[in-house]
Amino acid sequence: MEAGKVLVYAGAFLLLLGLLLLYFPKLFAWFGHLPGDIRIEREGLRVYIPITSALLLSLLLTLFLNLFRR
């Protein structure tokens, strides 16, 4: 039963995230452009390593899930 709840909530979260990205694309324009994110752009090569953005996203998701779980 618990796994079903997790899947429903994860699906609802992904649906909301998808709608936000669809209708408000500039809302997440900061992702990958923070200090500490590595961007290498050369002719014929683009490499993005969003280290800081991933850490921030992980922190926010951890806080949200801990608050939601209680």
PDB file of N, CA and C in Angstrom:
ATOM      1  N   MET A   1       0.822  -1.191   0.000  1.00  0.00           N
ATOM      2  CA  MET A   1       0.000   0.000   0.000  1.00  0.00           C
ATOM      3  C   MET A   1       0.869   1.259   0.000  1.00  0.00           C
ATOM      4  N   GLU A   2       1.943   1.222   0.738  1.00  0.00           N
ATOM      5  CA  GLU A   2       2.813   2.404   0.837  1.00  0.00           C
ATOM      6  C   GLU A   2       3.472   2.729  -0.508  1.00  0.00           C
ATOM      7  N   ALA A   3       3.873   1.715  -1.246  1.00  0.00           N
ATOM      8  CA  ALA A   3       4.513   1.941  -2.544  1.00  0.00           C
ATOM      9  C   ALA A   3       3.537   2.595  -3.523  1.00  0.00           C
ATOM     10  N   GLY A   4       2.273   2.238  -3.418  1.00  0.00           N
ATOM     11  CA  GLY A   4       1.258   2.848  -4.273  1.00  0.00           C
ATOM     12  C   GLY A   4       1.126   4.341  -4.015  1.00  0.00           C
ATOM     13  N   LYS A   5       1.157   4.723  -2.751  1.00  0.00           N
ATOM     14  CA  LYS A   5       1.068   6.148  -2.396  1.00  0.00           C
ATOM     15  C   LYS A   5       2.268   6.914  -2.943  1.00  0.00           C
ATOM     16  N   VAL A   6       3.430   6.319  -2.805  1.00  0.00           N
ATOM     17  CA  VAL A   6       4.650   6.978  -3.290  1.00  0.00           C
ATOM     18  C   VAL A   6       4.568   7.179  -4.791  1.00  0.00           C
ATOM     19  N   LEU A   7       4.102   6.189  -5.513  1.00  0.00           N
ATOM     20  CA  LEU A   7       3.989   6.308  -6.966  1.00  0.00           C
ATOM     21  C   LEU A   7       2.957   7.357  -7.367  1.00  0.00           C
ATOM     22  N   VAL A   8       1.850   7.429  -6.644  1.00  0.00           N
ATOM     23  CA  VAL A   8       0.831   8.445  -6.949  1.00  0.00           C
ATOM     24  C   VAL A   8       1.383   9.837  -6.698  1.00  0.00           C
ATOM     25  N   TYR A   9       2.061  10.033  -5.569  1.00  0.00           N
ATOM     26  CA  TYR A   9       2.618  11.353  -5.269  1.00  0.00           C
ATOM     27  C   TYR A   9       3.740  11.732  -6.235  1.00  0.00           C
ATOM     28  N   ALA A  10       4.572  10.757  -6.599  1.00  0.00           N
ATOM     29  CA  ALA A  10       5.637  11.025  -7.563  1.00  0.00           C
ATOM     30  C   ALA A  10       5.041  11.395  -8.921  1.00  0.00           C
ATOM     31  N   GLY A  11       3.985  10.712  -9.320  1.00  0.00           N
ATOM     32  CA  GLY A  11       3.320  11.036 -10.581  1.00  0.00           C
ATOM     33  C   GLY A  11       2.704  12.423 -10.569  1.00  0.00           C
ATOM     34  N   ALA A  12       2.078  12.781  -9.449  1.00  0.00           N
ATOM     35  CA  ALA A  12       1.483  14.113  -9.321  1.00  0.00           C
ATOM     36  C   ALA A  12       2.569  15.187  -9.372  1.00  0.00           C
ATOM     37  N   PHE A  13       3.699  14.915  -8.714  1.00  0.00           N
ATOM     38  CA  PHE A  13       4.813  15.868  -8.725  1.00  0.00           C
ATOM     39  C   PHE A  13       5.361  16.044 -10.140  1.00  0.00           C
ATOM     40  N   LEU A  14       5.538  14.942 -10.857  1.00  0.00           N
ATOM     41  CA  LEU A  14       6.044  15.028 -12.226  1.00  0.00           C
ATOM     42  C   LEU A  14       5.059  15.739 -13.148  1.00  0.00           C
ATOM     43  N   LEU A  15       3.776  15.522 -12.925  1.00  0.00           N
ATOM     44  CA  LEU A  15       2.760  16.216 -13.710  1.00  0.00           C
ATOM     45  C   LEU A  15       2.835  17.727 -13.472  1.00  0.00           C
ATOM     46  N   LEU A  16       2.927  18.133 -12.212  1.00  0.00           N
ATOM     47  CA  LEU A  16       3.040  19.565 -11.900  1.00  0.00           C
ATOM     48  C   LEU A  16       4.321  20.162 -12.468  1.00  0.00           C
ATOM     49  N   LEU A  17       5.416  19.438 -12.345  1.00  0.00           N
ATOM     50  CA  LEU A  17       6.685  19.918 -12.888  1.00  0.00           C
ATOM     51  C   LEU A  17       6.613  20.057 -14.404  1.00  0.00           C
ATOM     52  N   GLY A  18       5.997  19.085 -15.063  1.00  0.00           N
ATOM     53  CA  GLY A  18       5.835  19.147 -16.510  1.00  0.00           C
ATOM     54  C   GLY A  18       4.975  20.323 -16.946  1.00  0.00           C
ATOM     55  N   LEU A  19       3.893  20.579 -16.220  1.00  0.00           N
ATOM     56  CA  LEU A  19       3.032  21.721 -16.543  1.00  0.00           C
ATOM     57  C   LEU A  19       3.765  23.040 -16.339  1.00  0.00           C
ATOM     58  N   LEU A  20       4.555  23.120 -15.257  1.00  0.00           N
ATOM     59  CA  LEU A  20       5.338  24.341 -15.025  1.00  0.00           C
ATOM     60  C   LEU A  20       6.341  24.574 -16.146  1.00  0.00           C
ATOM     61  N   LEU A  21       7.024  23.530 -16.567  1.00  0.00           N
ATOM     62  CA  LEU A  21       7.998  23.665 -17.653  1.00  0.00           C
ATOM     63  C   LEU A  21       7.330  23.986 -18.981  1.00  0.00           C
ATOM     64  N   LEU A  22       6.127  23.495 -19.175  1.00  0.00           N
ATOM     65  CA  LEU A  22       5.416  23.731 -20.420  1.00  0.00           C
ATOM     66  C   LEU A  22       4.917  25.167 -20.510  1.00  0.00           C
ATOM     67  N   TYR A  23       4.317  25.661 -19.438  1.00  0.00           N
ATOM     68  CA  TYR A  23       3.688  26.980 -19.480  1.00  0.00           C
ATOM     69  C   TYR A  23       4.572  28.115 -18.963  1.00  0.00           C
ATOM     70  N   PHE A  24       5.592  27.795 -18.170  1.00  0.00           N
ATOM     71  CA  PHE A  24       6.503  28.812 -17.643  1.00  0.00           C
ATOM     72  C   PHE A  24       7.950  28.352 -17.839  1.00  0.00           C
ATOM     73  N   PRO A  25       8.427  28.299 -19.083  1.00  0.00           N
ATOM     74  CA  PRO A  25       9.768  27.742 -19.335  1.00  0.00           C
ATOM     75  C   PRO A  25      10.904  28.567 -18.725  1.00  0.00           C
ATOM     76  N   LYS A  26      10.709  29.842 -18.515  1.00  0.00           N
ATOM     77  CA  LYS A  26      11.782  30.671 -17.962  1.00  0.00           C
ATOM     78  C   LYS A  26      11.897  30.549 -16.450  1.00  0.00           C
ATOM     79  N   LEU A  27      10.952  29.815 -15.840  1.00  0.00           N
ATOM     80  CA  LEU A  27      10.973  29.631 -14.395  1.00  0.00           C
ATOM     81  C   LEU A  27      12.205  28.852 -13.952  1.00  0.00           C
ATOM     82  N   PHE A  28      12.670  27.928 -14.795  1.00  0.00           N
ATOM     83  CA  PHE A  28      13.835  27.121 -14.465  1.00  0.00           C
ATOM     84  C   PHE A  28      15.030  27.459 -15.352  1.00  0.00           C
ATOM     85  N   ALA A  29      15.101  28.665 -15.848  1.00  0.00           N
ATOM     86  CA  ALA A  29      16.203  29.070 -16.717  1.00  0.00           C
ATOM     87  C   ALA A  29      17.528  29.157 -15.947  1.00  0.00           C
ATOM     88  N   TRP A  30      17.464  29.261 -14.637  1.00  0.00           N
ATOM     89  CA  TRP A  30      18.665  29.343 -13.809  1.00  0.00           C
ATOM     90  C   TRP A  30      19.401  28.016 -13.726  1.00  0.00           C
ATOM     91  N   PHE A  31      18.686  26.910 -13.977  1.00  0.00           N
ATOM     92  CA  PHE A  31      19.303  25.596 -13.812  1.00  0.00           C
ATOM     93  C   PHE A  31      20.446  25.424 -14.814  1.00  0.00           C
ATOM     94  N   GLY A  32      21.632  25.186 -14.290  1.00  0.00           N
ATOM     95  CA  GLY A  32      22.814  25.012 -15.128  1.00  0.00           C
ATOM     96  C   GLY A  32      23.595  26.283 -15.343  1.00  0.00           C
ATOM     97  N   HIS A  33      23.139  27.386 -14.744  1.00  0.00           N
ATOM     98  CA  HIS A  33      23.821  28.673 -14.923  1.00  0.00           C
ATOM     99  C   HIS A  33      24.273  29.280 -13.595  1.00  0.00           C
ATOM    100  N   LEU A  34      24.328  28.494 -12.554  1.00  0.00           N
ATOM    101  CA  LEU A  34      24.773  28.987 -11.250  1.00  0.00           C
ATOM    102  C   LEU A  34      26.288  28.926 -11.155  1.00  0.00           C
ATOM    103  N   PRO A  35      26.869  29.737 -10.251  1.00  0.00           N
ATOM    104  CA  PRO A  35      28.314  29.617 -10.037  1.00  0.00           C
ATOM    105  C   PRO A  35      28.651  28.199  -9.546  1.00  0.00           C
ATOM    106  N   GLY A  36      29.621  27.594 -10.117  1.00  0.00           N
ATOM    107  CA  GLY A  36      29.985  26.224  -9.768  1.00  0.00           C
ATOM    108  C   GLY A  36      29.527  25.216 -10.797  1.00  0.00           C
ATOM    109  N   ASP A  37      28.630  25.621 -11.674  1.00  0.00           N
ATOM    110  CA  ASP A  37      28.214  24.756 -12.778  1.00  0.00           C
ATOM    111  C   ASP A  37      29.239  24.866 -13.893  1.00  0.00           C
ATOM    112  N   ILE A  38      29.617  23.734 -14.431  1.00  0.00           N
ATOM    113  CA  ILE A  38      30.653  23.708 -15.470  1.00  0.00           C
ATOM    114  C   ILE A  38      29.990  23.683 -16.843  1.00  0.00           C
ATOM    115  N   ARG A  39      30.370  24.640 -17.668  1.00  0.00           N
ATOM    116  CA  ARG A  39      29.863  24.721 -19.043  1.00  0.00           C
ATOM    117  C   ARG A  39      31.057  24.868 -19.975  1.00  0.00           C
ATOM    118  N   ILE A  40      31.216  23.923 -20.861  1.00  0.00           N
ATOM    119  CA  ILE A  40      32.287  23.971 -21.854  1.00  0.00           C
ATOM    120  C   ILE A  40      31.619  24.005 -23.221  1.00  0.00           C
ATOM    121  N   GLU A  41      31.850  25.089 -23.941  1.00  0.00           N
ATOM    122  CA  GLU A  41      31.271  25.224 -25.277  1.00  0.00           C
ATOM    123  C   GLU A  41      32.384  25.540 -26.263  1.00  0.00           C
ATOM    124  N   ARG A  42      32.580  24.609 -27.170  1.00  0.00           N
ATOM    125  CA  ARG A  42      33.552  24.789 -28.235  1.00  0.00           C
ATOM    126  C   ARG A  42      32.888  24.407 -29.540  1.00  0.00           C
ATOM    127  N   GLU A  43      33.566  24.647 -30.601  1.00  0.00           N
ATOM    128  CA  GLU A  43      33.010  24.292 -31.907  1.00  0.00           C
ATOM    129  C   GLU A  43      32.811  22.781 -31.998  1.00  0.00           C
ATOM    130  N   GLY A  44      31.580  22.376 -32.156  1.00  0.00           N
ATOM    131  CA  GLY A  44      31.254  20.964 -32.264  1.00  0.00           C
ATOM    132  C   GLY A  44      31.173  20.226 -30.937  1.00  0.00           C
ATOM    133  N   LEU A  45      31.251  20.961 -29.800  1.00  0.00           N
ATOM    134  CA  LEU A  45      31.232  20.295 -28.502  1.00  0.00           C
ATOM    135  C   LEU A  45      30.529  21.174 -27.481  1.00  0.00           C
ATOM    136  N   ARG A  46      29.596  20.597 -26.773  1.00  0.00           N
ATOM    137  CA  ARG A  46      28.937  21.276 -25.651  1.00  0.00           C
ATOM    138  C   ARG A  46      28.854  20.305 -24.491  1.00  0.00           C
ATOM    139  N   VAL A  47      29.386  20.715 -23.347  1.00  0.00           N
ATOM    140  CA  VAL A  47      29.353  19.876 -22.151  1.00  0.00           C
ATOM    141  C   VAL A  47      28.794  20.726 -21.016  1.00  0.00           C
ATOM    142  N   TYR A  48      27.749  20.223 -20.377  1.00  0.00           N
ATOM    143  CA  TYR A  48      27.153  20.883 -19.219  1.00  0.00           C
ATOM    144  C   TYR A  48      27.231  19.942 -18.033  1.00  0.00           C
ATOM    145  N   ILE A  49      27.823  20.403 -16.954  1.00  0.00           N
ATOM    146  CA  ILE A  49      27.884  19.627 -15.717  1.00  0.00           C
ATOM    147  C   ILE A  49      27.344  20.534 -14.607  1.00  0.00           C
ATOM    148  N   PRO A  50      26.044  20.455 -14.322  1.00  0.00           N
ATOM    149  CA  PRO A  50      25.415  21.358 -13.348  1.00  0.00           C
ATOM    150  C   PRO A  50      25.612  20.891 -11.908  1.00  0.00           C
ATOM    151  N   ILE A  51      26.829  20.990 -11.384  1.00  0.00           N
ATOM    152  CA  ILE A  51      27.145  20.508 -10.043  1.00  0.00           C
ATOM    153  C   ILE A  51      26.362  21.286  -8.987  1.00  0.00           C
ATOM    154  N   THR A  52      26.467  22.593  -8.989  1.00  0.00           N
ATOM    155  CA  THR A  52      25.794  23.414  -7.992  1.00  0.00           C
ATOM    156  C   THR A  52      24.281  23.319  -8.124  1.00  0.00           C
ATOM    157  N   SER A  53      23.778  23.328  -9.320  1.00  0.00           N
ATOM    158  CA  SER A  53      22.336  23.215  -9.525  1.00  0.00           C
ATOM    159  C   SER A  53      21.814  21.880  -9.013  1.00  0.00           C
ATOM    160  N   ALA A  54      22.552  20.802  -9.250  1.00  0.00           N
ATOM    161  CA  ALA A  54      22.139  19.484  -8.785  1.00  0.00           C
ATOM    162  C   ALA A  54      22.170  19.405  -7.269  1.00  0.00           C
ATOM    163  N   LEU A  55      23.179  20.013  -6.644  1.00  0.00           N
ATOM    164  CA  LEU A  55      23.240  20.031  -5.178  1.00  0.00           C
ATOM    165  C   LEU A  55      22.062  20.816  -4.591  1.00  0.00           C
ATOM    166  N   LEU A  56      21.757  21.948  -5.180  1.00  0.00           N
ATOM    167  CA  LEU A  56      20.640  22.757  -4.706  1.00  0.00           C
ATOM    168  C   LEU A  56      19.315  22.019  -4.885  1.00  0.00           C
ATOM    169  N   LEU A  57      19.133  21.384  -6.023  1.00  0.00           N
ATOM    170  CA  LEU A  57      17.923  20.615  -6.275  1.00  0.00           C
ATOM    171  C   LEU A  57      17.803  19.446  -5.300  1.00  0.00           C
ATOM    172  N   SER A  58      18.903  18.775  -5.023  1.00  0.00           N
ATOM    173  CA  SER A  58      18.901  17.673  -4.075  1.00  0.00           C
ATOM    174  C   SER A  58      18.542  18.153  -2.673  1.00  0.00           C
ATOM    175  N   LEU A  59      19.072  19.285  -2.267  1.00  0.00           N
ATOM    176  CA  LEU A  59      18.753  19.853  -0.956  1.00  0.00           C
ATOM    177  C   LEU A  59      17.275  20.212  -0.850  1.00  0.00           C
ATOM    178  N   LEU A  60      16.745  20.861  -1.887  1.00  0.00           N
ATOM    179  CA  LEU A  60      15.333  21.247  -1.865  1.00  0.00           C
ATOM    180  C   LEU A  60      14.405  20.032  -1.850  1.00  0.00           C
ATOM    181  N   LEU A  61      14.731  19.024  -2.640  1.00  0.00           N
ATOM    182  CA  LEU A  61      13.912  17.808  -2.643  1.00  0.00           C
ATOM    183  C   LEU A  61      13.991  17.066  -1.315  1.00  0.00           C
ATOM    184  N   THR A  62      15.157  17.036  -0.699  1.00  0.00           N
ATOM    185  CA  THR A  62      15.309  16.392   0.609  1.00  0.00           C
ATOM    186  C   THR A  62      14.482  17.108   1.657  1.00  0.00           C
ATOM    187  N   LEU A  63      14.543  18.438   1.669  1.00  0.00           N
ATOM    188  CA  LEU A  63      13.740  19.203   2.633  1.00  0.00           C
ATOM    189  C   LEU A  63      12.253  18.993   2.394  1.00  0.00           C
ATOM    190  N   PHE A  64      11.827  19.023   1.142  1.00  0.00           N
ATOM    191  CA  PHE A  64      10.418  18.847   0.811  1.00  0.00           C
ATOM    192  C   PHE A  64       9.923  17.460   1.215  1.00  0.00           C
ATOM    193  N   LEU A  65      10.699  16.436   0.899  1.00  0.00           N
ATOM    194  CA  LEU A  65      10.282  15.079   1.232  1.00  0.00           C
ATOM    195  C   LEU A  65      10.271  14.826   2.734  1.00  0.00           C
ATOM    196  N   ASN A  66      11.218  15.412   3.469  1.00  0.00           N
ATOM    197  CA  ASN A  66      11.212  15.273   4.918  1.00  0.00           C
ATOM    198  C   ASN A  66      10.023  15.974   5.557  1.00  0.00           C
ATOM    199  N   LEU A  67       9.664  17.128   5.051  1.00  0.00           N
ATOM    200  CA  LEU A  67       8.479  17.822   5.569  1.00  0.00           C
ATOM    201  C   LEU A  67       7.199  17.075   5.202  1.00  0.00           C
ATOM    202  N   PHE A  68       7.174  16.515   4.017  1.00  0.00           N
ATOM    203  CA  PHE A  68       5.997  15.799   3.529  1.00  0.00           C
ATOM    204  C   PHE A  68       5.801  14.476   4.285  1.00  0.00           C
ATOM    205  N   ARG A  69       6.895  13.840   4.648  1.00  0.00           N
ATOM    206  CA  ARG A  69       6.846  12.549   5.323  1.00  0.00           C
ATOM    207  C   ARG A  69       6.333  12.682   6.754  1.00  0.00           C
ATOM    208  N   ARG A  70       6.554  13.824   7.384  1.00  0.00           N
ATOM    209  CA  ARG A  70       6.090  14.012   8.766  1.00  0.00           C
ATOM    210  C   ARG A  70       4.690  14.394   8.740  1.00  0.00           C
TER     211      ARG A  70
END
